[in-house]
Amino acid sequence: MIIFNVPYAPLRFRAWSVGVSRQDHSEFETRQDAVRFAVSSARNSEHEGKAALVAIEGVDGLWRLFDHYAKGIA
């Protein structure tokens, strides 16, 4: 399973990261760009037959999981 992690806060000014299964990360100028990348990458992974989820940290510090359609899962 591949998990794309998008934190609430940037690493530094205009540098949001997307961690991939807690290893590699890419940086983006906006949080929206980071979320778009994570969802798109999860969708591509699913099309390649690999299970993928997107974990997004909320303002409350809680992490929420979404599938490759960006729909929340329980």
N, C-alpha and C. Protein backbone atom coordinates (compact mmCIF):
# COMPACT_ATOMS: atom_id res chain seq x y z
N MET A 1 0.85 -1.18 0.00
CA MET A 1 0.00 0.00 0.00
C MET A 1 0.89 1.24 0.00
N ILE A 2 0.57 2.16 -0.88
CA ILE A 2 1.29 3.43 -0.96
C ILE A 2 0.44 4.49 -0.28
N ILE A 3 1.04 5.27 0.59
CA ILE A 3 0.32 6.35 1.28
C ILE A 3 1.02 7.67 0.99
N PHE A 4 0.25 8.63 0.49
CA PHE A 4 0.75 9.97 0.20
C PHE A 4 0.32 10.87 1.35
N ASN A 5 1.29 11.42 2.09
CA ASN A 5 1.01 12.23 3.28
C ASN A 5 1.16 13.73 2.98
N VAL A 6 0.09 14.50 3.29
CA VAL A 6 0.13 15.95 3.09
C VAL A 6 -0.10 16.61 4.45
N PRO A 7 0.93 17.25 5.02
CA PRO A 7 0.79 17.91 6.32
C PRO A 7 -0.01 19.21 6.21
N TYR A 8 -0.49 19.67 7.35
CA TYR A 8 -1.25 20.92 7.37
C TYR A 8 -0.35 22.13 7.15
N ALA A 9 0.80 22.14 7.80
CA ALA A 9 1.70 23.30 7.74
C ALA A 9 2.85 23.05 6.76
N PRO A 10 3.36 24.11 6.16
CA PRO A 10 4.50 23.95 5.25
C PRO A 10 5.79 23.65 6.02
N LEU A 11 6.76 23.06 5.33
CA LEU A 11 8.08 22.84 5.94
C LEU A 11 8.74 24.17 6.24
N ARG A 12 8.59 25.09 5.30
CA ARG A 12 9.09 26.46 5.43
C ARG A 12 8.25 27.32 4.50
N PHE A 13 8.51 28.57 4.39
CA PHE A 13 7.68 29.47 3.58
C PHE A 13 7.49 28.93 2.17
N ARG A 14 6.23 28.75 1.79
CA ARG A 14 5.84 28.28 0.45
C ARG A 14 6.51 26.96 0.07
N ALA A 15 6.55 26.04 1.00
CA ALA A 15 7.16 24.73 0.72
C ALA A 15 6.38 23.62 1.42
N TRP A 16 5.24 23.23 0.84
CA TRP A 16 4.47 22.12 1.37
C TRP A 16 5.07 20.83 0.83
N SER A 17 5.10 19.81 1.65
CA SER A 17 5.68 18.55 1.21
C SER A 17 4.61 17.48 1.06
N VAL A 18 4.91 16.51 0.23
CA VAL A 18 4.09 15.31 0.11
C VAL A 18 5.02 14.14 0.35
N GLY A 19 4.82 13.48 1.47
CA GLY A 19 5.61 12.29 1.77
C GLY A 19 4.97 11.09 1.12
N VAL A 20 5.79 10.18 0.64
CA VAL A 20 5.27 8.96 0.01
C VAL A 20 5.66 7.80 0.90
N SER A 21 4.66 7.23 1.55
CA SER A 21 4.87 6.13 2.50
C SER A 21 5.99 6.47 3.49
N ARG A 22 6.00 7.72 3.93
CA ARG A 22 6.92 8.24 4.95
C ARG A 22 8.39 8.19 4.53
N GLN A 23 8.65 8.25 3.25
CA GLN A 23 10.03 8.24 2.78
C GLN A 23 10.31 9.48 1.95
N ASP A 24 10.24 9.35 0.65
CA ASP A 24 10.53 10.46 -0.25
C ASP A 24 9.52 11.57 -0.06
N HIS A 25 9.87 12.76 -0.52
CA HIS A 25 8.88 13.82 -0.53
C HIS A 25 9.19 14.80 -1.65
N SER A 26 8.11 15.40 -2.12
CA SER A 26 8.20 16.45 -3.13
C SER A 26 7.70 17.72 -2.48
N GLU A 27 8.14 18.88 -2.99
CA GLU A 27 7.72 20.15 -2.41
C GLU A 27 6.91 20.95 -3.41
N PHE A 28 5.92 21.69 -2.88
CA PHE A 28 5.00 22.48 -3.70
C PHE A 28 4.81 23.85 -3.07
N GLU A 29 4.48 24.84 -3.90
CA GLU A 29 4.31 26.21 -3.41
C GLU A 29 3.04 26.41 -2.60
N THR A 30 2.01 25.61 -2.85
CA THR A 30 0.76 25.75 -2.10
C THR A 30 0.30 24.38 -1.60
N ARG A 31 -0.50 24.41 -0.57
CA ARG A 31 -1.06 23.17 -0.03
C ARG A 31 -2.00 22.54 -1.05
N GLN A 32 -2.74 23.36 -1.78
CA GLN A 32 -3.64 22.84 -2.81
C GLN A 32 -2.87 22.07 -3.87
N ASP A 33 -1.71 22.59 -4.28
CA ASP A 33 -0.89 21.88 -5.26
C ASP A 33 -0.41 20.55 -4.70
N ALA A 34 -0.06 20.53 -3.42
CA ALA A 34 0.39 19.30 -2.78
C ALA A 34 -0.73 18.26 -2.76
N VAL A 35 -1.94 18.70 -2.42
CA VAL A 35 -3.09 17.79 -2.38
C VAL A 35 -3.40 17.28 -3.79
N ARG A 36 -3.39 18.18 -4.78
CA ARG A 36 -3.64 17.75 -6.17
C ARG A 36 -2.63 16.69 -6.61
N PHE A 37 -1.36 16.91 -6.29
CA PHE A 37 -0.32 15.95 -6.64
C PHE A 37 -0.58 14.60 -5.96
N ALA A 38 -0.88 14.63 -4.67
CA ALA A 38 -1.11 13.40 -3.92
C ALA A 38 -2.28 12.61 -4.48
N VAL A 39 -3.40 13.28 -4.77
CA VAL A 39 -4.58 12.59 -5.31
C VAL A 39 -4.30 12.05 -6.70
N SER A 40 -3.64 12.85 -7.53
CA SER A 40 -3.30 12.40 -8.88
C SER A 40 -2.34 11.21 -8.84
N SER A 41 -1.36 11.26 -7.96
CA SER A 41 -0.41 10.15 -7.84
C SER A 41 -1.09 8.90 -7.31
N ALA A 42 -2.01 9.06 -6.37
CA ALA A 42 -2.76 7.91 -5.86
C ALA A 42 -3.61 7.30 -6.96
N ARG A 43 -4.24 8.15 -7.75
CA ARG A 43 -5.06 7.66 -8.87
C ARG A 43 -4.19 6.89 -9.88
N ASN A 44 -3.02 7.44 -10.21
CA ASN A 44 -2.12 6.75 -11.13
C ASN A 44 -1.65 5.41 -10.56
N SER A 45 -1.37 5.37 -9.27
CA SER A 45 -0.94 4.13 -8.63
C SER A 45 -2.04 3.08 -8.71
N GLU A 46 -3.29 3.50 -8.47
CA GLU A 46 -4.43 2.57 -8.56
C GLU A 46 -4.58 2.03 -9.98
N HIS A 47 -4.38 2.88 -10.98
CA HIS A 47 -4.47 2.43 -12.37
C HIS A 47 -3.38 1.43 -12.71
N GLU A 48 -2.25 1.50 -12.00
CA GLU A 48 -1.15 0.56 -12.21
C GLU A 48 -1.32 -0.70 -11.37
N GLY A 49 -2.43 -0.78 -10.64
CA GLY A 49 -2.71 -1.96 -9.83
C GLY A 49 -2.13 -1.93 -8.43
N LYS A 50 -1.65 -0.78 -7.98
CA LYS A 50 -1.09 -0.65 -6.63
C LYS A 50 -2.10 0.08 -5.75
N ALA A 51 -2.37 -0.45 -4.58
CA ALA A 51 -3.29 0.20 -3.65
C ALA A 51 -2.66 1.49 -3.12
N ALA A 52 -3.46 2.56 -3.06
CA ALA A 52 -2.94 3.85 -2.60
C ALA A 52 -4.00 4.62 -1.83
N LEU A 53 -3.55 5.37 -0.83
CA LEU A 53 -4.39 6.27 -0.05
C LEU A 53 -3.69 7.61 0.08
N VAL A 54 -4.50 8.64 0.36
CA VAL A 54 -3.97 9.98 0.63
C VAL A 54 -4.32 10.31 2.08
N ALA A 55 -3.31 10.65 2.89
CA ALA A 55 -3.51 11.05 4.28
C ALA A 55 -3.27 12.56 4.36
N ILE A 56 -4.28 13.30 4.82
CA ILE A 56 -4.18 14.75 4.89
C ILE A 56 -4.39 15.19 6.34
N GLU A 57 -3.44 15.98 6.84
CA GLU A 57 -3.53 16.49 8.21
C GLU A 57 -4.44 17.72 8.23
N GLY A 58 -5.39 17.72 9.17
CA GLY A 58 -6.30 18.86 9.32
C GLY A 58 -5.75 19.90 10.27
N VAL A 59 -6.42 21.04 10.33
CA VAL A 59 -6.02 22.13 11.22
C VAL A 59 -6.02 21.67 12.68
N ASP A 60 -6.84 20.65 12.99
CA ASP A 60 -6.92 20.12 14.36
C ASP A 60 -5.81 19.12 14.69
N GLY A 61 -4.92 18.87 13.72
CA GLY A 61 -3.82 17.95 13.95
C GLY A 61 -4.14 16.49 13.66
N LEU A 62 -5.39 16.20 13.33
CA LEU A 62 -5.78 14.82 13.02
C LEU A 62 -5.53 14.52 11.54
N TRP A 63 -5.09 13.29 11.28
CA TRP A 63 -4.86 12.85 9.91
C TRP A 63 -6.09 12.10 9.43
N ARG A 64 -6.52 12.42 8.22
CA ARG A 64 -7.69 11.78 7.63
C ARG A 64 -7.27 11.07 6.34
N LEU A 65 -7.85 9.89 6.12
CA LEU A 65 -7.52 9.11 4.94
C LEU A 65 -8.55 9.29 3.84
N PHE A 66 -8.07 9.39 2.62
CA PHE A 66 -8.91 9.51 1.45
C PHE A 66 -8.46 8.50 0.41
N ASP A 67 -9.40 8.02 -0.39
CA ASP A 67 -9.02 7.11 -1.46
C ASP A 67 -8.56 7.91 -2.68
N HIS A 68 -8.28 7.23 -3.76
CA HIS A 68 -7.75 7.89 -4.95
C HIS A 68 -8.79 8.75 -5.67
N TYR A 69 -10.04 8.73 -5.20
CA TYR A 69 -11.07 9.64 -5.74
C TYR A 69 -11.24 10.84 -4.81
N ALA A 70 -10.39 10.94 -3.80
CA ALA A 70 -10.44 12.00 -2.78
C ALA A 70 -11.71 11.95 -1.96
N LYS A 71 -12.26 10.74 -1.79
CA LYS A 71 -13.41 10.55 -0.93
C LYS A 71 -12.93 9.98 0.39
N GLY A 72 -13.43 10.54 1.47
CA GLY A 72 -13.02 10.08 2.80
C GLY A 72 -13.39 8.63 3.05
N ILE A 73 -12.55 7.96 3.82
CA ILE A 73 -12.85 6.58 4.18
C ILE A 73 -12.85 6.48 5.70
N ALA A 74 -13.62 5.56 6.22
CA ALA A 74 -13.74 5.40 7.67
C ALA A 74 -12.59 4.60 8.23
